Amino acid sequence: MCRLALIALGCLLFTSQAQAKLKVFILAGQSNMQGAGAIKINPKSKNGGKGTLEYLVKEERLAKRLAHVVDASGDWVVRDDVWIKYFDRKGGLTVGYGAKRDRIGPEFQFGHALGQVLDEQVLLIKTAWGGRCLATDFRPPRSGGRHLKSGSPGAYYTLMVDEIRSVLKNLKTHFPAYDGKGYEIAGFGWHQGWNDGLKKEWVAEYEENLANLIRDLRDEFSVPNMPAVIAVSGFGGRKQKIDRRLGIIAAQHNVAKLPEFAGTVASVETRDFFRPPENSPSRQGYHWNSNAETYFLIGDAMARAMLKLLK
């Protein structure tokens, strides 16, 4: 009897693995989703490279937590169980998929964390452009054509959807190792908000626009309950006092609290991830001072929230 049960269990596991589909996660937003986390230590740095990824992996405080991103030779790990497509860049997940090839964004640890837990092959499709707002550029169809001369949706909403569809249509071309067993859009991650915080009018409608973005993307790809994680626009940290900036953060948290999104949408607080310029590669507060630890923590928090939604 026990032997028959083991055989049955083995058959179930084999069938499950044989039918496993590629898990696709969409990452979108503006410059902080692109990512400004510095990788290399600048020889001219006045603080010895603090906040760069090269510095952090050797720092006693974080070395253990970051051990999975470097191999035994000290080179950056390239994951074969997590792929990424970011416009003209594609391949196994590693460093260099930030705004520039010498930067990382939230995708870095987001992909690492998912790869460590999920059994299926993972694909991250990243669509992010700097200096773009939700009120106009990413404006979803449900929000109508307000602010737009050409009507709804916004140009970058269309570009985002087109890019995702193009990647999914050409999976084998982009990733020759793809087994052709199909895919499922498993989740959506959003990190954006600086531009919408420029105008009170845009802040006032941000909650509605972001909720509509999630609704419309679910419709676009026929995934009614697509999990979505919002990393709030917390640059400036707990010292941020500008009402427009705080309004964006509140709106982002509010979207995750909508009854219709219960159990399928989560927001993650990011303000505690802000690091001061003296411990960072730059003084660009709006880009999290280019601190790689910050972008690592944002990606990690997004992944943890996503995994909870996937349970």
C-alpha atoms as a PDB file:
ATOM      1  CA  MET A   1       0.000   0.000   0.000  1.00  0.00           C
ATOM      2  CA  CYS A   2       2.794   2.405   0.962  1.00  0.00           C
ATOM      3  CA  ARG A   3       4.642   1.528  -2.221  1.00  0.00           C
ATOM      4  CA  LEU A   4       1.580   2.320  -4.335  1.00  0.00           C
ATOM      5  CA  ALA A   5       1.178   5.628  -2.531  1.00  0.00           C
ATOM      6  CA  LEU A   6       4.804   6.546  -3.203  1.00  0.00           C
ATOM      7  CA  ILE A   7       4.443   5.642  -6.870  1.00  0.00           C
ATOM      8  CA  ALA A   8       1.304   7.767  -7.114  1.00  0.00           C
ATOM      9  CA  LEU A   9       3.046  10.678  -5.412  1.00  0.00           C
ATOM     10  CA  GLY A  10       6.007  10.341  -7.761  1.00  0.00           C
ATOM     11  CA  CYS A  11       3.706  10.412 -10.776  1.00  0.00           C
ATOM     12  CA  LEU A  12       1.984  13.532  -9.465  1.00  0.00           C
ATOM     13  CA  LEU A  13       5.297  15.295  -8.914  1.00  0.00           C
ATOM     14  CA  PHE A  14       6.534  14.314 -12.371  1.00  0.00           C
ATOM     15  CA  THR A  15       3.320  15.530 -13.986  1.00  0.00           C
ATOM     16  CA  SER A  16       3.470  18.805 -12.060  1.00  0.00           C
ATOM     17  CA  GLN A  17       7.068  19.433 -13.098  1.00  0.00           C
ATOM     18  CA  ALA A  18       6.396  18.437 -16.689  1.00  0.00           C
ATOM     19  CA  GLN A  19       3.500  20.890 -16.911  1.00  0.00           C
ATOM     20  CA  ALA A  20       5.293  23.733 -15.127  1.00  0.00           C
ATOM     21  CA  LYS A  21       4.903  26.998 -16.978  1.00  0.00           C
ATOM     22  CA  LEU A  22       7.246  29.938 -17.151  1.00  0.00           C
ATOM     23  CA  LYS A  23       6.318  32.432 -14.424  1.00  0.00           C
ATOM     24  CA  VAL A  24       6.331  35.961 -15.802  1.00  0.00           C
ATOM     25  CA  PHE A  25       6.548  39.040 -13.609  1.00  0.00           C
ATOM     26  CA  ILE A  26       6.110  42.543 -15.001  1.00  0.00           C
ATOM     27  CA  LEU A  27       8.083  45.386 -13.429  1.00  0.00           C
ATOM     28  CA  ALA A  28       7.139  48.933 -14.362  1.00  0.00           C
ATOM     29  CA  GLY A  29       7.577  52.535 -13.316  1.00  0.00           C
ATOM     30  CA  GLN A  30       9.859  55.493 -13.854  1.00  0.00           C
ATOM     31  CA  SER A  31      13.509  56.200 -12.994  1.00  0.00           C
ATOM     32  CA  ASN A  32      13.543  54.471  -9.618  1.00  0.00           C
ATOM     33  CA  MET A  33      12.241  51.296 -11.216  1.00  0.00           C
ATOM     34  CA  GLN A  34      14.947  51.722 -13.826  1.00  0.00           C
ATOM     35  CA  GLY A  35      17.332  51.859 -10.885  1.00  0.00           C
ATOM     36  CA  ALA A  36      20.257  54.087  -9.934  1.00  0.00           C
ATOM     37  CA  GLY A  37      21.976  51.753  -7.473  1.00  0.00           C
ATOM     38  CA  ALA A  38      25.716  52.066  -8.114  1.00  0.00           C
ATOM     39  CA  ILE A  39      27.613  48.817  -8.600  1.00  0.00           C
ATOM     40  CA  LYS A  40      31.280  49.801  -8.715  1.00  0.00           C
ATOM     41  CA  ILE A  41      33.322  51.840  -6.263  1.00  0.00           C
ATOM     42  CA  ASN A  42      34.412  55.115  -7.815  1.00  0.00           C
ATOM     43  CA  PRO A  43      38.164  55.546  -7.172  1.00  0.00           C
ATOM     44  CA  LYS A  44      37.477  59.250  -6.611  1.00  0.00           C
ATOM     45  CA  SER A  45      34.835  58.569  -3.981  1.00  0.00           C
ATOM     46  CA  LYS A  46      35.252  60.640  -0.831  1.00  0.00           C
ATOM     47  CA  ASN A  47      33.607  58.028   1.394  1.00  0.00           C
ATOM     48  CA  GLY A  48      35.430  54.940   0.161  1.00  0.00           C
ATOM     49  CA  GLY A  49      32.581  53.699  -1.988  1.00  0.00           C
ATOM     50  CA  LYS A  50      29.920  53.411   0.701  1.00  0.00           C
ATOM     51  CA  GLY A  51      26.564  52.380  -0.682  1.00  0.00           C
ATOM     52  CA  THR A  52      27.925  50.733  -3.824  1.00  0.00           C
ATOM     53  CA  LEU A  53      27.242  47.049  -4.335  1.00  0.00           C
ATOM     54  CA  GLU A  54      30.977  46.298  -4.441  1.00  0.00           C
ATOM     55  CA  TYR A  55      31.362  47.882  -1.016  1.00  0.00           C
ATOM     56  CA  LEU A  56      28.267  46.291   0.474  1.00  0.00           C
ATOM     57  CA  VAL A  57      29.125  42.665  -0.372  1.00  0.00           C
ATOM     58  CA  LYS A  58      32.340  43.054   1.641  1.00  0.00           C
ATOM     59  CA  GLU A  59      30.856  45.043   4.499  1.00  0.00           C
ATOM     60  CA  GLU A  60      30.547  42.919   7.643  1.00  0.00           C
ATOM     61  CA  ARG A  61      27.062  44.261   8.323  1.00  0.00           C
ATOM     62  CA  LEU A  62      25.649  42.939   5.033  1.00  0.00           C
ATOM     63  CA  ALA A  63      28.110  40.386   3.654  1.00  0.00           C
ATOM     64  CA  LYS A  64      26.088  37.384   4.833  1.00  0.00           C
ATOM     65  CA  ARG A  65      22.807  38.749   3.535  1.00  0.00           C
ATOM     66  CA  LEU A  66      24.367  39.486   0.138  1.00  0.00           C
ATOM     67  CA  ALA A  67      26.355  36.249  -0.115  1.00  0.00           C
ATOM     68  CA  HIS A  68      24.022  34.854  -2.781  1.00  0.00           C
ATOM     69  CA  VAL A  69      24.870  37.591  -5.310  1.00  0.00           C
ATOM     70  CA  VAL A  70      28.562  36.675  -5.647  1.00  0.00           C
ATOM     71  CA  ASP A  71      30.182  33.333  -6.449  1.00  0.00           C
ATOM     72  CA  ALA A  72      33.216  31.655  -4.904  1.00  0.00           C
ATOM     73  CA  SER A  73      35.508  33.685  -7.161  1.00  0.00           C
ATOM     74  CA  GLY A  74      33.919  36.950  -6.155  1.00  0.00           C
ATOM     75  CA  ASP A  75      32.190  37.427  -9.504  1.00  0.00           C
ATOM     76  CA  TRP A  76      28.563  38.465  -9.785  1.00  0.00           C
ATOM     77  CA  VAL A  77      26.226  35.490  -9.905  1.00  0.00           C
ATOM     78  CA  VAL A  78      24.248  35.048 -13.131  1.00  0.00           C
ATOM     79  CA  ARG A  79      21.065  33.090 -12.442  1.00  0.00           C
ATOM     80  CA  ASP A  80      19.930  30.546 -15.006  1.00  0.00           C
ATOM     81  CA  ASP A  81      16.587  30.043 -13.238  1.00  0.00           C
ATOM     82  CA  VAL A  82      15.628  33.721 -13.542  1.00  0.00           C
ATOM     83  CA  TRP A  83      15.689  35.533 -16.865  1.00  0.00           C
ATOM     84  CA  ILE A  84      15.212  39.221 -17.452  1.00  0.00           C
ATOM     85  CA  LYS A  85      14.288  41.303 -20.484  1.00  0.00           C
ATOM     86  CA  TYR A  86      14.785  45.047 -20.203  1.00  0.00           C
ATOM     87  CA  PHE A  87      14.469  46.586 -23.659  1.00  0.00           C
ATOM     88  CA  ASP A  88      17.842  45.954 -25.384  1.00  0.00           C
ATOM     89  CA  ARG A  89      19.205  43.888 -22.487  1.00  0.00           C
ATOM     90  CA  LYS A  90      18.317  40.289 -21.773  1.00  0.00           C
ATOM     91  CA  GLY A  91      19.734  37.169 -20.189  1.00  0.00           C
ATOM     92  CA  GLY A  92      20.154  35.525 -16.817  1.00  0.00           C
ATOM     93  CA  LEU A  93      19.532  37.816 -13.874  1.00  0.00           C
ATOM     94  CA  THR A  94      22.651  39.562 -12.635  1.00  0.00           C
ATOM     95  CA  VAL A  95      23.927  43.091 -12.096  1.00  0.00           C
ATOM     96  CA  GLY A  96      23.640  45.694 -14.844  1.00  0.00           C
ATOM     97  CA  TYR A  97      19.897  45.836 -15.436  1.00  0.00           C
ATOM     98  CA  GLY A  98      19.464  49.274 -13.892  1.00  0.00           C
ATOM     99  CA  ALA A  99      19.059  52.589 -15.694  1.00  0.00           C
ATOM    100  CA  LYS A 100      22.596  52.057 -16.988  1.00  0.00           C
ATOM    101  CA  ARG A 101      24.730  48.953 -17.220  1.00  0.00           C
ATOM    102  CA  ASP A 102      26.678  50.020 -14.143  1.00  0.00           C
ATOM    103  CA  ARG A 103      23.520  50.212 -12.014  1.00  0.00           C
ATOM    104  CA  ILE A 104      20.952  47.990 -10.368  1.00  0.00           C
ATOM    105  CA  GLY A 105      17.289  48.590  -9.619  1.00  0.00           C
ATOM    106  CA  PRO A 106      14.633  46.713  -7.650  1.00  0.00           C
ATOM    107  CA  GLU A 107      14.732  43.908 -10.231  1.00  0.00           C
ATOM    108  CA  PHE A 108      18.064  42.686  -8.817  1.00  0.00           C
ATOM    109  CA  GLN A 109      16.980  41.300  -5.451  1.00  0.00           C
ATOM    110  CA  PHE A 110      13.370  40.879  -6.585  1.00  0.00           C
ATOM    111  CA  GLY A 111      14.582  38.274  -9.065  1.00  0.00           C
ATOM    112  CA  HIS A 112      17.086  36.700  -6.682  1.00  0.00           C
ATOM    113  CA  ALA A 113      14.458  36.309  -3.964  1.00  0.00           C
ATOM    114  CA  LEU A 114      11.885  34.771  -6.307  1.00  0.00           C
ATOM    115  CA  GLY A 115      14.471  32.429  -7.788  1.00  0.00           C
ATOM    116  CA  GLN A 116      15.417  31.162  -4.346  1.00  0.00           C
ATOM    117  CA  VAL A 117      11.825  30.142  -3.596  1.00  0.00           C
ATOM    118  CA  LEU A 118       9.989  29.309  -6.815  1.00  0.00           C
ATOM    119  CA  ASP A 119      10.561  25.985  -8.561  1.00  0.00           C
ATOM    120  CA  GLU A 120       9.454  27.254 -11.962  1.00  0.00           C
ATOM    121  CA  GLN A 121      11.601  29.193 -14.401  1.00  0.00           C
ATOM    122  CA  VAL A 122      11.085  32.925 -13.833  1.00  0.00           C
ATOM    123  CA  LEU A 123      11.071  35.764 -16.356  1.00  0.00           C
ATOM    124  CA  LEU A 124      11.125  39.433 -15.407  1.00  0.00           C
ATOM    125  CA  ILE A 125       9.898  41.852 -18.071  1.00  0.00           C
ATOM    126  CA  LYS A 126      10.985  45.316 -17.047  1.00  0.00           C
ATOM    127  CA  THR A 127       9.397  48.359 -18.669  1.00  0.00           C
ATOM    128  CA  ALA A 128      10.499  51.615 -17.090  1.00  0.00           C
ATOM    129  CA  TRP A 129      11.234  55.099 -18.339  1.00  0.00           C
ATOM    130  CA  GLY A 130      12.636  58.044 -16.402  1.00  0.00           C
ATOM    131  CA  GLY A 131      10.595  61.167 -15.780  1.00  0.00           C
ATOM    132  CA  ARG A 132       7.179  59.691 -16.556  1.00  0.00           C
ATOM    133  CA  CYS A 133       3.957  60.245 -14.638  1.00  0.00           C
ATOM    134  CA  LEU A 134       0.860  58.135 -14.153  1.00  0.00           C
ATOM    135  CA  ALA A 135      -1.460  61.096 -14.707  1.00  0.00           C
ATOM    136  CA  THR A 136      -0.501  61.390 -18.390  1.00  0.00           C
ATOM    137  CA  ASP A 137       2.297  59.087 -19.588  1.00  0.00           C
ATOM    138  CA  PHE A 138       1.133  55.809 -18.020  1.00  0.00           C
ATOM    139  CA  ARG A 139      -2.503  56.900 -17.878  1.00  0.00           C
ATOM    140  CA  PRO A 140      -4.674  53.758 -18.084  1.00  0.00           C
ATOM    141  CA  PRO A 141      -7.759  53.492 -20.327  1.00  0.00           C
ATOM    142  CA  ARG A 142     -10.215  53.487 -17.417  1.00  0.00           C
ATOM    143  CA  SER A 143      -9.021  56.922 -16.326  1.00  0.00           C
ATOM    144  CA  GLY A 144     -10.166  58.536 -19.555  1.00  0.00           C
ATOM    145  CA  GLY A 145      -8.460  61.166 -21.670  1.00  0.00           C
ATOM    146  CA  ARG A 146      -8.200  63.969 -19.130  1.00  0.00           C
ATOM    147  CA  HIS A 147      -4.863  65.842 -19.461  1.00  0.00           C
ATOM    148  CA  LEU A 148      -4.231  64.135 -22.818  1.00  0.00           C
ATOM    149  CA  LYS A 149      -4.669  65.846 -26.180  1.00  0.00           C
ATOM    150  CA  SER A 150      -4.576  62.505 -27.964  1.00  0.00           C
ATOM    151  CA  GLY A 151      -7.016  60.841 -25.570  1.00  0.00           C
ATOM    152  CA  SER A 152      -6.602  57.794 -23.378  1.00  0.00           C
ATOM    153  CA  PRO A 153      -4.539  55.745 -22.778  1.00  0.00           C
ATOM    154  CA  GLY A 154      -1.216  57.486 -22.189  1.00  0.00           C
ATOM    155  CA  ALA A 155       1.614  56.859 -24.631  1.00  0.00           C
ATOM    156  CA  TYR A 156       3.720  54.953 -22.116  1.00  0.00           C
ATOM    157  CA  TYR A 157       0.839  52.753 -21.057  1.00  0.00           C
ATOM    158  CA  THR A 158       0.663  51.667 -24.687  1.00  0.00           C
ATOM    159  CA  LEU A 159       4.442  51.263 -24.960  1.00  0.00           C
ATOM    160  CA  MET A 160       4.465  49.162 -21.790  1.00  0.00           C
ATOM    161  CA  VAL A 161       1.725  46.835 -23.018  1.00  0.00           C
ATOM    162  CA  ASP A 162       3.286  46.565 -26.477  1.00  0.00           C
ATOM    163  CA  GLU A 163       6.685  45.688 -25.020  1.00  0.00           C
ATOM    164  CA  ILE A 164       5.209  42.993 -22.792  1.00  0.00           C
ATOM    165  CA  ARG A 165       3.251  41.469 -25.666  1.00  0.00           C
ATOM    166  CA  SER A 166       6.309  41.530 -27.922  1.00  0.00           C
ATOM    167  CA  VAL A 167       8.466  39.725 -25.376  1.00  0.00           C
ATOM    168  CA  LEU A 168       5.819  37.078 -24.729  1.00  0.00           C
ATOM    169  CA  LYS A 169       5.333  36.532 -28.453  1.00  0.00           C
ATOM    170  CA  ASN A 170       9.060  35.967 -29.006  1.00  0.00           C
ATOM    171  CA  LEU A 171      10.122  34.036 -25.924  1.00  0.00           C
ATOM    172  CA  LYS A 172      12.129  31.433 -27.824  1.00  0.00           C
ATOM    173  CA  THR A 173      13.986  34.129 -29.742  1.00  0.00           C
ATOM    174  CA  HIS A 174      14.956  36.045 -26.632  1.00  0.00           C
ATOM    175  CA  PHE A 175      15.587  32.971 -24.483  1.00  0.00           C
ATOM    176  CA  PRO A 176      16.610  29.914 -26.533  1.00  0.00           C
ATOM    177  CA  ALA A 177      16.444  27.723 -23.415  1.00  0.00           C
ATOM    178  CA  TYR A 178      12.706  28.372 -23.118  1.00  0.00           C
ATOM    179  CA  ASP A 179      11.000  24.957 -23.255  1.00  0.00           C
ATOM    180  CA  GLY A 180       7.837  26.080 -25.041  1.00  0.00           C
ATOM    181  CA  LYS A 181       5.509  24.795 -22.307  1.00  0.00           C
ATOM    182  CA  GLY A 182       3.722  28.101 -22.041  1.00  0.00           C
ATOM    183  CA  TYR A 183       3.734  30.896 -19.528  1.00  0.00           C
ATOM    184  CA  GLU A 184       1.591  32.539 -16.911  1.00  0.00           C
ATOM    185  CA  ILE A 185       1.669  36.199 -15.949  1.00  0.00           C
ATOM    186  CA  ALA A 186       2.235  35.696 -12.250  1.00  0.00           C
ATOM    187  CA  GLY A 187       2.525  39.243 -10.958  1.00  0.00           C
ATOM    188  CA  PHE A 188       3.066  42.967 -11.459  1.00  0.00           C
ATOM    189  CA  GLY A 189       5.440  45.260  -9.576  1.00  0.00           C
ATOM    190  CA  TRP A 190       5.203  49.071  -9.579  1.00  0.00           C
ATOM    191  CA  HIS A 191       7.699  51.661  -8.287  1.00  0.00           C
ATOM    192  CA  GLN A 192       6.971  55.205  -9.405  1.00  0.00           C
ATOM    193  CA  GLY A 193       5.627  58.520  -8.173  1.00  0.00           C
ATOM    194  CA  TRP A 194       8.122  61.378  -8.375  1.00  0.00           C
ATOM    195  CA  ASN A 195       6.585  63.083 -11.398  1.00  0.00           C
ATOM    196  CA  ASP A 196       3.006  62.799 -10.162  1.00  0.00           C
ATOM    197  CA  GLY A 197       4.130  64.526  -6.986  1.00  0.00           C
ATOM    198  CA  LEU A 198       4.860  67.686  -8.941  1.00  0.00           C
ATOM    199  CA  LYS A 199       1.216  68.772  -9.153  1.00  0.00           C
ATOM    200  CA  LYS A 200      -1.485  68.684  -6.494  1.00  0.00           C
ATOM    201  CA  GLU A 201      -4.026  67.847  -9.185  1.00  0.00           C
ATOM    202  CA  TRP A 202      -2.081  64.742 -10.130  1.00  0.00           C
ATOM    203  CA  VAL A 203      -1.643  63.750  -6.484  1.00  0.00           C
ATOM    204  CA  ALA A 204      -5.403  64.021  -5.947  1.00  0.00           C
ATOM    205  CA  GLU A 205      -6.163  61.497  -8.683  1.00  0.00           C
ATOM    206  CA  TYR A 206      -3.190  59.191  -8.152  1.00  0.00           C
ATOM    207  CA  GLU A 207      -5.097  56.605  -6.137  1.00  0.00           C
ATOM    208  CA  GLU A 208      -7.777  56.284  -8.801  1.00  0.00           C
ATOM    209  CA  ASN A 209      -5.232  56.161 -11.616  1.00  0.00           C
ATOM    210  CA  LEU A 210      -3.110  53.473  -9.960  1.00  0.00           C
ATOM    211  CA  ALA A 211      -6.138  51.342  -9.156  1.00  0.00           C
ATOM    212  CA  ASN A 212      -7.249  51.707 -12.776  1.00  0.00           C
ATOM    213  CA  LEU A 213      -3.784  50.754 -13.989  1.00  0.00           C
ATOM    214  CA  ILE A 214      -3.998  47.456 -12.122  1.00  0.00           C
ATOM    215  CA  ARG A 215      -7.547  46.821 -13.348  1.00  0.00           C
ATOM    216  CA  ASP A 216      -6.654  47.580 -16.956  1.00  0.00           C
ATOM    217  CA  LEU A 217      -3.510  45.456 -16.979  1.00  0.00           C
ATOM    218  CA  ARG A 218      -5.513  42.554 -15.589  1.00  0.00           C
ATOM    219  CA  ASP A 219      -7.941  43.009 -18.473  1.00  0.00           C
ATOM    220  CA  GLU A 220      -5.184  43.454 -21.071  1.00  0.00           C
ATOM    221  CA  PHE A 221      -3.619  40.108 -20.226  1.00  0.00           C
ATOM    222  CA  SER A 222      -6.755  38.262 -19.086  1.00  0.00           C
ATOM    223  CA  VAL A 223      -5.498  37.697 -15.552  1.00  0.00           C
ATOM    224  CA  PRO A 224      -8.458  38.819 -13.377  1.00  0.00           C
ATOM    225  CA  ASN A 225      -6.652  38.518 -10.053  1.00  0.00           C
ATOM    226  CA  MET A 226      -3.095  39.242 -11.145  1.00  0.00           C
ATOM    227  CA  PRO A 227      -1.077  39.859  -7.966  1.00  0.00           C
ATOM    228  CA  ALA A 228       0.311  43.384  -7.788  1.00  0.00           C
ATOM    229  CA  VAL A 229       2.898  44.873  -5.440  1.00  0.00           C
ATOM    230  CA  ILE A 230       3.375  48.617  -5.067  1.00  0.00           C
ATOM    231  CA  ALA A 231       6.693  49.846  -3.662  1.00  0.00           C
ATOM    232  CA  VAL A 232       5.745  53.276  -2.363  1.00  0.00           C
ATOM    233  CA  SER A 233       7.647  56.367  -3.465  1.00  0.00           C
ATOM    234  CA  GLY A 234       9.535  56.800  -0.209  1.00  0.00           C
ATOM    235  CA  PHE A 235      12.679  58.651  -1.288  1.00  0.00           C
ATOM    236  CA  GLY A 236      13.700  61.157   1.360  1.00  0.00           C
ATOM    237  CA  GLY A 237      12.902  58.661   4.070  1.00  0.00           C
ATOM    238  CA  ARG A 238      11.023  59.492   7.248  1.00  0.00           C
ATOM    239  CA  LYS A 239      12.227  63.098   7.021  1.00  0.00           C
ATOM    240  CA  GLN A 240      10.142  63.695   3.902  1.00  0.00           C
ATOM    241  CA  LYS A 241       7.686  66.469   4.796  1.00  0.00           C
ATOM    242  CA  ILE A 242       6.476  67.769   1.426  1.00  0.00           C
ATOM    243  CA  ASP A 243       2.713  67.269   1.376  1.00  0.00           C
ATOM    244  CA  ARG A 244       2.597  66.303  -2.295  1.00  0.00           C
ATOM    245  CA  ARG A 245       5.187  63.571  -1.744  1.00  0.00           C
ATOM    246  CA  LEU A 246       3.379  62.263   1.308  1.00  0.00           C
ATOM    247  CA  GLY A 247       0.137  62.369  -0.675  1.00  0.00           C
ATOM    248  CA  ILE A 248       1.571  60.010  -3.288  1.00  0.00           C
ATOM    249  CA  ILE A 249       2.720  57.579  -0.591  1.00  0.00           C
ATOM    250  CA  ALA A 250      -0.702  57.639   1.071  1.00  0.00           C
ATOM    251  CA  ALA A 251      -2.438  57.053  -2.257  1.00  0.00           C
ATOM    252  CA  GLN A 252      -0.206  54.073  -3.003  1.00  0.00           C
ATOM    253  CA  HIS A 253      -0.959  52.477   0.355  1.00  0.00           C
ATOM    254  CA  ASN A 254      -4.671  53.226  -0.086  1.00  0.00           C
ATOM    255  CA  VAL A 255      -4.844  51.302  -3.360  1.00  0.00           C
ATOM    256  CA  ALA A 256      -3.682  48.151  -1.582  1.00  0.00           C
ATOM    257  CA  LYS A 257      -6.448  48.653   0.999  1.00  0.00           C
ATOM    258  CA  LEU A 258      -9.300  48.730  -1.515  1.00  0.00           C
ATOM    259  CA  PRO A 259     -11.774  45.898  -0.733  1.00  0.00           C
ATOM    260  CA  GLU A 260     -11.768  44.642  -4.324  1.00  0.00           C
ATOM    261  CA  PHE A 261      -7.991  44.140  -4.118  1.00  0.00           C
ATOM    262  CA  ALA A 262      -8.000  42.214  -0.839  1.00  0.00           C
ATOM    263  CA  GLY A 263      -5.503  39.379  -1.012  1.00  0.00           C
ATOM    264  CA  THR A 264      -4.259  40.318  -4.486  1.00  0.00           C
ATOM    265  CA  VAL A 265      -2.604  43.735  -4.084  1.00  0.00           C
ATOM    266  CA  ALA A 266      -0.013  44.783  -1.515  1.00  0.00           C
ATOM    267  CA  SER A 267       1.961  47.932  -0.821  1.00  0.00           C
ATOM    268  CA  VAL A 268       5.419  47.901   0.722  1.00  0.00           C
ATOM    269  CA  GLU A 269       6.812  50.736   2.812  1.00  0.00           C
ATOM    270  CA  THR A 270      10.179  51.956   1.533  1.00  0.00           C
ATOM    271  CA  ARG A 271      10.975  55.075   3.573  1.00  0.00           C
ATOM    272  CA  ASP A 272      13.089  53.119   6.040  1.00  0.00           C
ATOM    273  CA  PHE A 273      15.356  52.055   3.171  1.00  0.00           C
ATOM    274  CA  PHE A 274      16.553  55.607   2.514  1.00  0.00           C
ATOM    275  CA  ARG A 275      20.254  56.080   3.243  1.00  0.00           C
ATOM    276  CA  PRO A 276      21.907  59.487   3.823  1.00  0.00           C
ATOM    277  CA  PRO A 277      24.272  60.927   1.202  1.00  0.00           C
ATOM    278  CA  GLU A 278      27.325  60.520   3.435  1.00  0.00           C
ATOM    279  CA  ASN A 279      26.767  56.742   3.265  1.00  0.00           C
ATOM    280  CA  SER A 280      25.893  56.741  -0.423  1.00  0.00           C
ATOM    281  CA  PRO A 281      27.480  57.184  -3.865  1.00  0.00           C
ATOM    282  CA  SER A 282      25.600  60.419  -4.642  1.00  0.00           C
ATOM    283  CA  ARG A 283      23.475  63.203  -3.228  1.00  0.00           C
ATOM    284  CA  GLN A 284      20.532  62.626  -5.574  1.00  0.00           C
ATOM    285  CA  GLY A 285      17.830  62.134  -2.989  1.00  0.00           C
ATOM    286  CA  TYR A 286      15.159  61.620  -5.645  1.00  0.00           C
ATOM    287  CA  HIS A 287      17.209  58.629  -6.860  1.00  0.00           C
ATOM    288  CA  TRP A 288      17.721  57.283  -3.359  1.00  0.00           C
ATOM    289  CA  ASN A 289      21.263  58.757  -3.400  1.00  0.00           C
ATOM    290  CA  SER A 290      22.236  55.960  -5.825  1.00  0.00           C
ATOM    291  CA  ASN A 291      22.503  53.608  -2.857  1.00  0.00           C
ATOM    292  CA  ALA A 292      22.593  49.950  -3.924  1.00  0.00           C
ATOM    293  CA  GLU A 293      21.461  48.765  -0.492  1.00  0.00           C
ATOM    294  CA  THR A 294      18.284  50.784  -0.885  1.00  0.00           C
ATOM    295  CA  TYR A 295      17.436  49.256  -4.254  1.00  0.00           C
ATOM    296  CA  PHE A 296      18.301  45.802  -2.899  1.00  0.00           C
ATOM    297  CA  LEU A 297      15.919  46.296   0.021  1.00  0.00           C
ATOM    298  CA  ILE A 298      13.129  47.620  -2.199  1.00  0.00           C
ATOM    299  CA  GLY A 299      13.406  44.588  -4.466  1.00  0.00           C
ATOM    300  CA  ASP A 300      13.544  42.251  -1.486  1.00  0.00           C
ATOM    301  CA  ALA A 301      10.438  43.770   0.097  1.00  0.00           C
ATOM    302  CA  MET A 302       8.591  43.574  -3.211  1.00  0.00           C
ATOM    303  CA  ALA A 303       9.516  39.915  -3.625  1.00  0.00           C
ATOM    304  CA  ARG A 304       8.447  38.997  -0.096  1.00  0.00           C
ATOM    305  CA  ALA A 305       5.106  40.708  -0.619  1.00  0.00           C
ATOM    306  CA  MET A 306       4.671  39.011  -3.990  1.00  0.00           C
ATOM    307  CA  LEU A 307       5.402  35.571  -2.568  1.00  0.00           C
ATOM    308  CA  LYS A 308       2.739  36.097   0.102  1.00  0.00           C
ATOM    309  CA  LEU A 309       0.210  36.995  -2.579  1.00  0.00           C
ATOM    310  CA  LEU A 310       1.144  33.892  -4.572  1.00  0.00           C
ATOM    311  CA  LYS A 311       0.390  31.521  -1.685  1.00  0.00           C
END
